[in-house]
Amino acid sequence: MNGWLAAAALLLIAGVGPSLWNAARGAPGRRVVAQNYATLLLCLVFLLLAQGYGRPAYVDLALVLSVLGPAGTLVFARLLLTGEEAGEGGEPPGTRRLTPVVAVGTAATVLPLCVVTGPGRATVKLLVIGALLLAGGVATTRAVRHG
């Protein structure tokens, strides 16, 4: 087991597990935020697994997830989440930390992978995934905050 696989396992155990637990139980507002956290973490896990196993196909999975994950959160927030379901004050718990977690988590994963990958098409794909994750995190945070 190398460092990339250890980091992926750590994200799965310490991050995705609690996110899925909160997505399955709790108020609808908390579920939306937890779903967004789980999407981000799974995308980062796919990137780490791609590097750890040397399988570039996992990067394609991360690319698809970085597009579809925030779209699913936006649909859920728009169609199913009303002001009283969002939580007290119309803002679910954990929403304020969403954008900083997305920014730090994406940068802490994508930038080292870009350095290891070196210049080329794969690095551009990693940067696109990072930009999509950041844009999706900001968009979903705004959507969840404002209903």
Protein backbone atom coordinates (compact mmCIF):
# COMPACT_ATOMS: atom_id res chain seq x y z
CA MET A 1 0.00 0.00 0.00
CA ASN A 2 1.44 3.34 -1.02
CA GLY A 3 0.70 6.83 0.32
CA TRP A 4 -1.95 7.57 -2.31
CA LEU A 5 -3.96 4.51 -1.37
CA ALA A 6 -3.56 5.26 2.34
CA ALA A 7 -4.88 8.79 1.78
CA ALA A 8 -7.84 7.39 -0.19
CA ALA A 9 -8.61 4.92 2.60
CA LEU A 10 -8.41 7.69 5.18
CA LEU A 11 -10.84 9.84 3.19
CA LEU A 12 -13.23 6.93 2.81
CA ILE A 13 -13.22 6.03 6.49
CA ALA A 14 -12.98 9.45 8.10
CA GLY A 15 -14.91 11.50 5.55
CA VAL A 16 -17.27 9.57 3.34
CA GLY A 17 -18.60 7.34 6.11
CA PRO A 18 -19.81 10.20 8.34
CA SER A 19 -21.10 12.10 5.30
CA LEU A 20 -23.19 9.14 4.19
CA TRP A 21 -24.47 8.68 7.74
CA ASN A 22 -25.63 12.31 7.83
CA ALA A 23 -27.10 12.00 4.34
CA ALA A 24 -29.16 9.00 5.45
CA ARG A 25 -30.33 10.47 8.75
CA GLY A 26 -31.26 13.96 9.79
CA ALA A 27 -33.12 16.99 8.54
CA PRO A 28 -33.36 17.60 4.79
CA GLY A 29 -31.00 20.58 4.99
CA ARG A 30 -28.34 18.52 6.72
CA ARG A 31 -28.81 15.80 4.11
CA VAL A 32 -28.13 18.22 1.26
CA VAL A 33 -24.91 19.43 2.84
CA ALA A 34 -23.79 15.88 3.66
CA GLN A 35 -24.52 14.74 0.10
CA ASN A 36 -22.35 17.56 -1.22
CA TYR A 37 -19.52 16.63 1.16
CA ALA A 38 -19.77 12.98 0.13
CA THR A 39 -19.64 13.91 -3.57
CA LEU A 40 -16.51 15.99 -3.05
CA LEU A 41 -14.80 13.31 -1.00
CA LEU A 42 -15.65 10.51 -3.43
CA CYS A 43 -14.29 12.56 -6.30
CA LEU A 44 -11.05 13.10 -4.40
CA VAL A 45 -10.92 9.38 -3.52
CA PHE A 46 -11.19 8.49 -7.22
CA LEU A 47 -8.30 10.85 -8.00
CA LEU A 48 -6.15 9.32 -5.27
CA LEU A 49 -7.02 5.78 -6.36
CA ALA A 50 -6.15 6.64 -9.96
CA GLN A 51 -2.67 7.68 -8.86
CA GLY A 52 -2.27 4.86 -6.35
CA TYR A 53 -3.22 2.10 -8.78
CA GLY A 54 -1.92 3.80 -11.92
CA ARG A 55 -5.37 3.59 -13.56
CA PRO A 56 -6.24 6.74 -15.55
CA ALA A 57 -9.84 5.55 -16.00
CA TYR A 58 -10.53 6.52 -12.38
CA VAL A 59 -9.74 10.11 -13.29
CA ASP A 60 -12.58 9.95 -15.80
CA LEU A 61 -14.91 8.79 -13.02
CA ALA A 62 -13.83 11.76 -10.94
CA LEU A 63 -14.50 14.07 -13.89
CA VAL A 64 -18.03 12.74 -14.32
CA LEU A 65 -18.69 12.93 -10.60
CA SER A 66 -17.39 16.51 -10.42
CA VAL A 67 -20.01 17.49 -13.00
CA LEU A 68 -22.98 15.41 -11.84
CA GLY A 69 -22.53 15.74 -8.06
CA PRO A 70 -23.13 19.48 -7.75
CA ALA A 71 -25.92 19.24 -10.33
CA GLY A 72 -27.69 16.70 -8.13
CA THR A 73 -27.27 18.92 -5.09
CA LEU A 74 -28.68 21.90 -6.99
CA VAL A 75 -31.72 19.91 -8.13
CA PHE A 76 -32.35 18.66 -4.60
CA ALA A 77 -31.94 22.14 -3.11
CA ARG A 78 -34.18 23.74 -5.72
CA LEU A 79 -37.03 21.25 -5.85
CA LEU A 80 -37.17 19.60 -2.45
CA LEU A 81 -35.73 21.99 0.10
CA THR A 82 -38.00 24.69 1.51
CA GLY A 83 -37.01 27.37 4.00
CA GLU A 84 -38.30 25.61 7.11
CA GLU A 85 -36.74 22.29 6.05
CA ALA A 86 -33.34 23.87 5.57
CA GLY A 87 -32.85 24.44 9.28
CA GLU A 88 -32.99 27.35 11.64
CA GLY A 89 -32.68 30.62 9.80
CA GLY A 90 -33.07 28.90 6.43
CA GLU A 91 -29.47 27.68 6.43
CA PRO A 92 -28.57 24.04 7.14
CA PRO A 93 -25.80 23.27 9.64
CA GLY A 94 -22.41 22.92 8.01
CA THR A 95 -23.19 25.23 5.09
CA ARG A 96 -20.71 27.90 6.15
CA ARG A 97 -17.86 25.37 6.12
CA LEU A 98 -18.78 23.92 2.74
CA THR A 99 -16.85 26.30 0.47
CA PRO A 100 -13.67 26.34 2.60
CA VAL A 101 -13.71 22.52 2.84
CA VAL A 102 -14.15 22.27 -0.94
CA ALA A 103 -11.32 24.74 -1.57
CA VAL A 104 -8.86 23.17 0.86
CA GLY A 105 -9.72 19.57 0.01
CA THR A 106 -9.51 20.16 -3.72
CA ALA A 107 -6.25 22.07 -3.53
CA ALA A 108 -4.68 19.56 -1.12
CA THR A 109 -5.49 16.70 -3.50
CA VAL A 110 -5.32 18.11 -7.02
CA LEU A 111 -2.11 20.15 -6.70
CA PRO A 112 0.11 17.28 -5.47
CA LEU A 113 -1.38 15.05 -8.16
CA CYS A 114 -0.53 17.68 -10.79
CA VAL A 115 3.06 17.81 -9.54
CA VAL A 116 3.39 14.02 -9.64
CA THR A 117 1.72 13.71 -13.04
CA GLY A 118 3.93 16.31 -14.70
CA PRO A 119 3.04 18.50 -17.65
CA GLY A 120 0.63 17.11 -20.19
CA ARG A 121 -2.93 16.22 -20.95
CA ALA A 122 -3.47 14.42 -17.63
CA THR A 123 -2.50 17.53 -15.68
CA VAL A 124 -4.96 19.63 -17.67
CA LYS A 125 -7.68 17.10 -16.86
CA LEU A 126 -6.80 17.28 -13.16
CA LEU A 127 -6.96 21.08 -13.24
CA VAL A 128 -10.35 20.97 -14.98
CA ILE A 129 -11.64 18.60 -12.29
CA GLY A 130 -10.32 20.93 -9.60
CA ALA A 131 -12.00 23.93 -11.22
CA LEU A 132 -15.29 22.02 -11.56
CA LEU A 133 -15.16 20.98 -7.91
CA LEU A 134 -14.49 24.55 -6.79
CA ALA A 135 -17.22 26.02 -8.99
CA GLY A 136 -19.67 23.31 -7.95
CA GLY A 137 -18.90 23.87 -4.28
CA VAL A 138 -19.48 27.60 -4.52
CA ALA A 139 -22.67 27.18 -6.57
CA THR A 140 -24.16 24.58 -4.27
CA THR A 141 -23.27 26.57 -1.16
CA ARG A 142 -25.08 29.59 -2.54
CA ALA A 143 -28.07 27.49 -3.60
CA VAL A 144 -28.39 25.80 -0.21
CA ARG A 145 -28.01 29.09 1.68
CA HIS A 146 -30.61 30.92 -0.38
CA GLY A 147 -32.98 28.00 -0.92
